[in-house]
Amino acid sequence: MIILVTIIHVIVCLFLIVVVLLQSGKAGDISAAFGGQGSQAAFGPRGGATALSRATTISAVLFMLTSVTLSINAIKHGGPNSVLQGLKSAPVKAQPAAPAPTPANPTQK
């Protein structure tokens, strides 16, 4: 079950990246880099914005749901562990502080 959720999560991630990059911006957008004609795109000047907005919203919701599902599953099976929990730290070798050197010729007044 968790493998299926992970696969869906990766697919949704990639789809979300593509959908966000294809949205038209205020200036030049990435669809123009692939031969798009701006307002003469396949969806028309306003139809593409609503379809891409809906696709972005749906994929963002799916991304959040799969993220929460994977997070809950990780907590149930692994518990709140640290990544560094299994590592042993190297022993600290403390050296005594060296005494301050005394001046060879003390100045006297």
N, C-alpha and C. Protein backbone atom coordinates (compact mmCIF):
# COMPACT_ATOMS: atom_id res chain seq x y z
N MET A 1 0.83 -1.20 0.00
CA MET A 1 0.00 0.00 0.00
C MET A 1 0.87 1.26 0.00
N ILE A 2 1.91 1.23 0.83
CA ILE A 2 2.75 2.42 0.93
C ILE A 2 3.55 2.63 -0.35
N ILE A 3 3.86 1.54 -1.06
CA ILE A 3 4.57 1.67 -2.33
C ILE A 3 3.68 2.37 -3.35
N LEU A 4 2.40 2.04 -3.36
CA LEU A 4 1.46 2.69 -4.27
C LEU A 4 1.35 4.18 -3.96
N VAL A 5 1.27 4.53 -2.70
CA VAL A 5 1.19 5.95 -2.31
C VAL A 5 2.47 6.68 -2.70
N THR A 6 3.61 6.03 -2.56
CA THR A 6 4.87 6.65 -2.93
C THR A 6 4.95 6.89 -4.44
N ILE A 7 4.50 5.91 -5.22
CA ILE A 7 4.51 6.07 -6.68
C ILE A 7 3.57 7.19 -7.10
N ILE A 8 2.38 7.24 -6.51
CA ILE A 8 1.43 8.33 -6.80
C ILE A 8 2.04 9.68 -6.41
N HIS A 9 2.73 9.71 -5.28
CA HIS A 9 3.35 10.95 -4.81
C HIS A 9 4.39 11.46 -5.80
N VAL A 10 5.22 10.58 -6.32
CA VAL A 10 6.25 11.00 -7.28
C VAL A 10 5.61 11.47 -8.58
N ILE A 11 4.59 10.77 -9.05
CA ILE A 11 3.91 11.18 -10.28
C ILE A 11 3.25 12.54 -10.10
N VAL A 12 2.59 12.74 -8.96
CA VAL A 12 1.94 14.03 -8.69
C VAL A 12 2.98 15.14 -8.59
N CYS A 13 4.15 14.85 -7.99
CA CYS A 13 5.21 15.86 -7.91
C CYS A 13 5.65 16.31 -9.30
N LEU A 14 5.90 15.35 -10.16
CA LEU A 14 6.34 15.70 -11.52
C LEU A 14 5.25 16.45 -12.28
N PHE A 15 4.00 16.01 -12.14
CA PHE A 15 2.89 16.68 -12.80
C PHE A 15 2.72 18.11 -12.29
N LEU A 16 2.88 18.29 -11.00
CA LEU A 16 2.75 19.63 -10.41
C LEU A 16 3.83 20.56 -10.93
N ILE A 17 5.04 20.06 -11.07
CA ILE A 17 6.13 20.87 -11.61
C ILE A 17 5.81 21.31 -13.03
N VAL A 18 5.34 20.38 -13.87
CA VAL A 18 5.02 20.69 -15.26
C VAL A 18 3.88 21.69 -15.35
N VAL A 19 2.84 21.49 -14.56
CA VAL A 19 1.67 22.38 -14.62
C VAL A 19 2.04 23.79 -14.19
N VAL A 20 2.86 23.91 -13.15
CA VAL A 20 3.25 25.24 -12.69
C VAL A 20 4.12 25.94 -13.73
N LEU A 21 5.00 25.19 -14.37
CA LEU A 21 5.86 25.81 -15.37
C LEU A 21 5.10 26.19 -16.64
N LEU A 22 4.01 25.53 -16.93
CA LEU A 22 3.24 25.85 -18.14
C LEU A 22 2.28 27.02 -17.95
N GLN A 23 2.06 27.45 -16.74
CA GLN A 23 1.14 28.56 -16.53
C GLN A 23 1.74 29.84 -17.08
N SER A 24 0.86 30.68 -17.61
CA SER A 24 1.34 31.93 -18.17
C SER A 24 1.59 32.93 -17.06
N GLY A 25 2.69 33.65 -17.22
CA GLY A 25 3.04 34.66 -16.25
C GLY A 25 2.68 36.04 -16.76
N LYS A 26 3.12 37.05 -16.03
CA LYS A 26 2.85 38.42 -16.46
C LYS A 26 3.76 38.82 -17.61
N ALA A 27 4.94 38.22 -17.66
CA ALA A 27 5.88 38.52 -18.74
C ALA A 27 6.00 37.28 -19.62
N GLY A 28 7.17 37.03 -20.17
CA GLY A 28 7.38 35.85 -20.98
C GLY A 28 7.27 34.60 -20.14
N ASP A 29 6.58 33.58 -20.64
CA ASP A 29 6.41 32.35 -19.88
C ASP A 29 7.15 31.21 -20.55
N ILE A 30 7.20 30.08 -19.89
CA ILE A 30 7.98 28.96 -20.42
C ILE A 30 7.27 28.31 -21.60
N SER A 31 5.97 28.49 -21.75
CA SER A 31 5.29 27.91 -22.91
C SER A 31 5.78 28.57 -24.19
N ALA A 32 6.21 29.81 -24.12
CA ALA A 32 6.76 30.47 -25.31
C ALA A 32 8.11 29.88 -25.69
N ALA A 33 8.83 29.32 -24.73
CA ALA A 33 10.12 28.71 -25.03
C ALA A 33 9.96 27.43 -25.84
N PHE A 34 8.81 26.78 -25.73
CA PHE A 34 8.56 25.54 -26.46
C PHE A 34 7.71 25.77 -27.70
N GLY A 35 7.67 26.97 -28.21
CA GLY A 35 6.95 27.24 -29.44
C GLY A 35 5.54 27.73 -29.25
N GLY A 36 5.14 28.04 -28.04
CA GLY A 36 3.80 28.57 -27.80
C GLY A 36 3.69 29.99 -28.34
N GLN A 37 2.49 30.39 -28.70
CA GLN A 37 2.28 31.70 -29.28
C GLN A 37 1.59 32.65 -28.31
N GLY A 38 1.80 32.49 -27.04
CA GLY A 38 1.21 33.40 -26.06
C GLY A 38 -0.28 33.21 -25.97
N SER A 39 -1.06 34.21 -26.43
CA SER A 39 -2.51 34.13 -26.34
C SER A 39 -3.12 33.21 -27.38
N GLN A 40 -2.34 32.75 -28.34
CA GLN A 40 -2.86 31.83 -29.35
C GLN A 40 -2.50 30.39 -29.01
N ALA A 41 -2.49 30.09 -27.76
CA ALA A 41 -2.16 28.74 -27.30
C ALA A 41 -3.31 27.79 -27.59
N ALA A 42 -3.12 26.53 -27.29
CA ALA A 42 -4.14 25.52 -27.59
C ALA A 42 -5.42 25.74 -26.80
N PHE A 43 -5.33 26.29 -25.61
CA PHE A 43 -6.51 26.49 -24.78
C PHE A 43 -7.18 27.84 -25.01
N GLY A 44 -6.59 28.70 -25.80
CA GLY A 44 -7.13 30.04 -25.99
C GLY A 44 -6.57 30.98 -24.95
N PRO A 45 -6.89 32.26 -25.02
CA PRO A 45 -6.29 33.22 -24.09
C PRO A 45 -6.77 33.08 -22.65
N ARG A 46 -8.02 32.66 -22.40
CA ARG A 46 -8.51 32.56 -21.03
C ARG A 46 -8.81 31.13 -20.61
N GLY A 47 -9.09 30.24 -21.55
CA GLY A 47 -9.44 28.87 -21.22
C GLY A 47 -8.27 28.11 -20.61
N GLY A 48 -7.07 28.41 -21.06
CA GLY A 48 -5.90 27.73 -20.53
C GLY A 48 -5.63 28.09 -19.09
N ALA A 49 -5.90 29.30 -18.73
CA ALA A 49 -5.65 29.74 -17.36
C ALA A 49 -6.55 28.99 -16.38
N THR A 50 -7.81 28.80 -16.74
CA THR A 50 -8.70 28.10 -15.81
C THR A 50 -8.38 26.61 -15.76
N ALA A 51 -8.06 26.01 -16.91
CA ALA A 51 -7.75 24.58 -16.91
C ALA A 51 -6.44 24.33 -16.15
N LEU A 52 -5.45 25.17 -16.36
CA LEU A 52 -4.18 25.01 -15.66
C LEU A 52 -4.33 25.33 -14.18
N SER A 53 -5.18 26.29 -13.86
CA SER A 53 -5.41 26.61 -12.45
C SER A 53 -6.08 25.46 -11.72
N ARG A 54 -7.05 24.83 -12.38
CA ARG A 54 -7.72 23.67 -11.77
C ARG A 54 -6.74 22.51 -11.62
N ALA A 55 -5.92 22.28 -12.66
CA ALA A 55 -4.95 21.19 -12.59
C ALA A 55 -3.94 21.44 -11.48
N THR A 56 -3.54 22.70 -11.31
CA THR A 56 -2.60 23.05 -10.24
C THR A 56 -3.23 22.81 -8.87
N THR A 57 -4.47 23.22 -8.71
CA THR A 57 -5.16 23.05 -7.44
C THR A 57 -5.34 21.57 -7.09
N ILE A 58 -5.79 20.80 -8.07
CA ILE A 58 -6.01 19.37 -7.82
C ILE A 58 -4.70 18.66 -7.51
N SER A 59 -3.66 18.96 -8.27
CA SER A 59 -2.37 18.30 -8.02
C SER A 59 -1.76 18.75 -6.69
N ALA A 60 -1.98 19.99 -6.30
CA ALA A 60 -1.46 20.46 -5.01
C ALA A 60 -2.18 19.76 -3.86
N VAL A 61 -3.48 19.56 -3.98
CA VAL A 61 -4.23 18.85 -2.94
C VAL A 61 -3.78 17.39 -2.87
N LEU A 62 -3.60 16.75 -4.02
CA LEU A 62 -3.11 15.37 -4.02
C LEU A 62 -1.71 15.28 -3.43
N PHE A 63 -0.87 16.26 -3.74
CA PHE A 63 0.48 16.29 -3.18
C PHE A 63 0.44 16.38 -1.66
N MET A 64 -0.42 17.25 -1.14
CA MET A 64 -0.52 17.39 0.31
C MET A 64 -1.07 16.12 0.96
N LEU A 65 -2.06 15.51 0.35
CA LEU A 65 -2.63 14.29 0.92
C LEU A 65 -1.62 13.15 0.93
N THR A 66 -0.89 12.98 -0.16
CA THR A 66 0.11 11.90 -0.18
C THR A 66 1.26 12.21 0.77
N SER A 67 1.61 13.48 0.92
CA SER A 67 2.66 13.85 1.87
C SER A 67 2.25 13.54 3.29
N VAL A 68 1.03 13.87 3.65
CA VAL A 68 0.54 13.59 5.01
C VAL A 68 0.44 12.08 5.23
N THR A 69 -0.01 11.35 4.22
CA THR A 69 -0.11 9.90 4.34
C THR A 69 1.26 9.27 4.56
N LEU A 70 2.24 9.69 3.78
CA LEU A 70 3.59 9.16 3.94
C LEU A 70 4.20 9.55 5.28
N SER A 71 3.91 10.75 5.74
CA SER A 71 4.42 11.21 7.02
C SER A 71 3.82 10.41 8.18
N ILE A 72 2.52 10.19 8.13
CA ILE A 72 1.87 9.42 9.19
C ILE A 72 2.39 7.98 9.19
N ASN A 73 2.58 7.42 8.01
CA ASN A 73 3.10 6.06 7.93
C ASN A 73 4.53 5.97 8.48
N ALA A 74 5.34 6.98 8.21
CA ALA A 74 6.72 6.99 8.72
C ALA A 74 6.73 7.07 10.24
N ILE A 75 5.82 7.83 10.82
CA ILE A 75 5.77 7.96 12.28
C ILE A 75 5.29 6.66 12.92
N LYS A 76 4.30 6.01 12.29
CA LYS A 76 3.78 4.75 12.85
C LYS A 76 4.82 3.64 12.83
N HIS A 77 5.57 3.55 11.76
CA HIS A 77 6.49 2.42 11.61
C HIS A 77 7.88 2.71 12.17
N GLY A 78 8.29 3.95 12.16
CA GLY A 78 9.64 4.24 12.61
C GLY A 78 9.70 5.00 13.91
N GLY A 79 8.70 5.72 14.21
CA GLY A 79 8.73 6.56 15.40
C GLY A 79 9.53 7.82 15.15
N PRO A 80 9.49 8.73 16.09
CA PRO A 80 10.23 9.99 15.92
C PRO A 80 11.72 9.78 16.22
N ASN A 81 12.46 9.33 15.26
CA ASN A 81 13.89 9.09 15.43
C ASN A 81 14.69 10.17 14.73
N SER A 82 15.86 10.36 15.21
CA SER A 82 16.77 11.30 14.58
C SER A 82 17.61 10.55 13.56
N VAL A 83 18.06 11.25 12.55
CA VAL A 83 18.92 10.66 11.54
C VAL A 83 20.26 10.28 12.16
N LEU A 84 20.71 11.05 13.11
CA LEU A 84 22.01 10.83 13.74
C LEU A 84 21.93 9.99 15.00
N GLN A 85 20.79 9.38 15.27
CA GLN A 85 20.60 8.66 16.52
C GLN A 85 21.51 7.43 16.61
N GLY A 86 21.77 6.72 15.53
CA GLY A 86 22.55 5.51 15.59
C GLY A 86 24.05 5.74 15.55
N LEU A 87 24.50 6.94 15.28
CA LEU A 87 25.93 7.22 15.20
C LEU A 87 26.53 7.43 16.57
N LYS A 88 27.73 6.89 16.74
CA LYS A 88 28.45 7.13 17.99
C LYS A 88 29.39 8.30 17.78
N SER A 89 29.40 9.18 18.72
CA SER A 89 30.29 10.34 18.60
C SER A 89 31.70 9.94 19.00
N ALA A 90 32.66 10.57 18.37
CA ALA A 90 34.05 10.29 18.70
C ALA A 90 34.36 10.87 20.07
N PRO A 91 35.17 10.15 20.88
CA PRO A 91 35.50 10.69 22.20
C PRO A 91 36.35 11.96 22.05
N VAL A 92 36.05 12.90 22.88
CA VAL A 92 36.77 14.17 22.86
C VAL A 92 38.02 14.03 23.71
N LYS A 93 39.14 14.30 23.12
CA LYS A 93 40.41 14.21 23.84
C LYS A 93 40.73 15.59 24.40
N ALA A 94 40.59 15.71 25.68
CA ALA A 94 40.85 16.99 26.33
C ALA A 94 42.33 17.10 26.65
N GLN A 95 42.93 18.18 26.24
CA GLN A 95 44.33 18.42 26.56
C GLN A 95 44.40 19.53 27.59
N PRO A 96 45.32 19.39 28.52
CA PRO A 96 45.44 20.47 29.51
C PRO A 96 45.94 21.74 28.83
N ALA A 97 45.48 22.84 29.35
CA ALA A 97 45.88 24.12 28.79
C ALA A 97 47.36 24.35 29.07
N ALA A 98 48.06 24.84 28.09
CA ALA A 98 49.50 25.11 28.26
C ALA A 98 49.66 26.37 29.11
N PRO A 99 50.61 26.34 30.04
CA PRO A 99 50.81 27.55 30.86
C PRO A 99 51.37 28.68 29.98
N ALA A 100 51.04 29.89 30.36
CA ALA A 100 51.50 31.05 29.62
C ALA A 100 53.02 31.18 29.77
N PRO A 101 53.72 31.46 28.70
CA PRO A 101 55.19 31.59 28.81
C PRO A 101 55.55 32.83 29.61
N THR A 102 56.58 32.69 30.41
CA THR A 102 57.02 33.82 31.20
C THR A 102 58.04 34.61 30.39
N PRO A 103 58.03 35.92 30.51
CA PRO A 103 59.01 36.73 29.75
C PRO A 103 60.43 36.49 30.28
N ALA A 104 61.38 36.52 29.36
CA ALA A 104 62.77 36.25 29.72
C ALA A 104 63.35 37.41 30.54
N ASN A 105 63.12 38.63 30.15
CA ASN A 105 63.63 39.81 30.85
C ASN A 105 62.48 40.65 31.34
N PRO A 106 62.08 40.47 32.57
CA PRO A 106 60.98 41.32 33.05
C PRO A 106 61.46 42.78 33.17
N THR A 107 60.63 43.63 32.77
CA THR A 107 60.98 45.08 32.89
C THR A 107 60.66 45.57 34.28
N GLN A 108 61.60 46.29 34.83
CA GLN A 108 61.42 46.84 36.18
C GLN A 108 61.52 48.35 36.12
N LYS A 109 60.80 48.99 37.00
CA LYS A 109 60.82 50.45 37.04
C LYS A 109 61.62 50.94 38.19
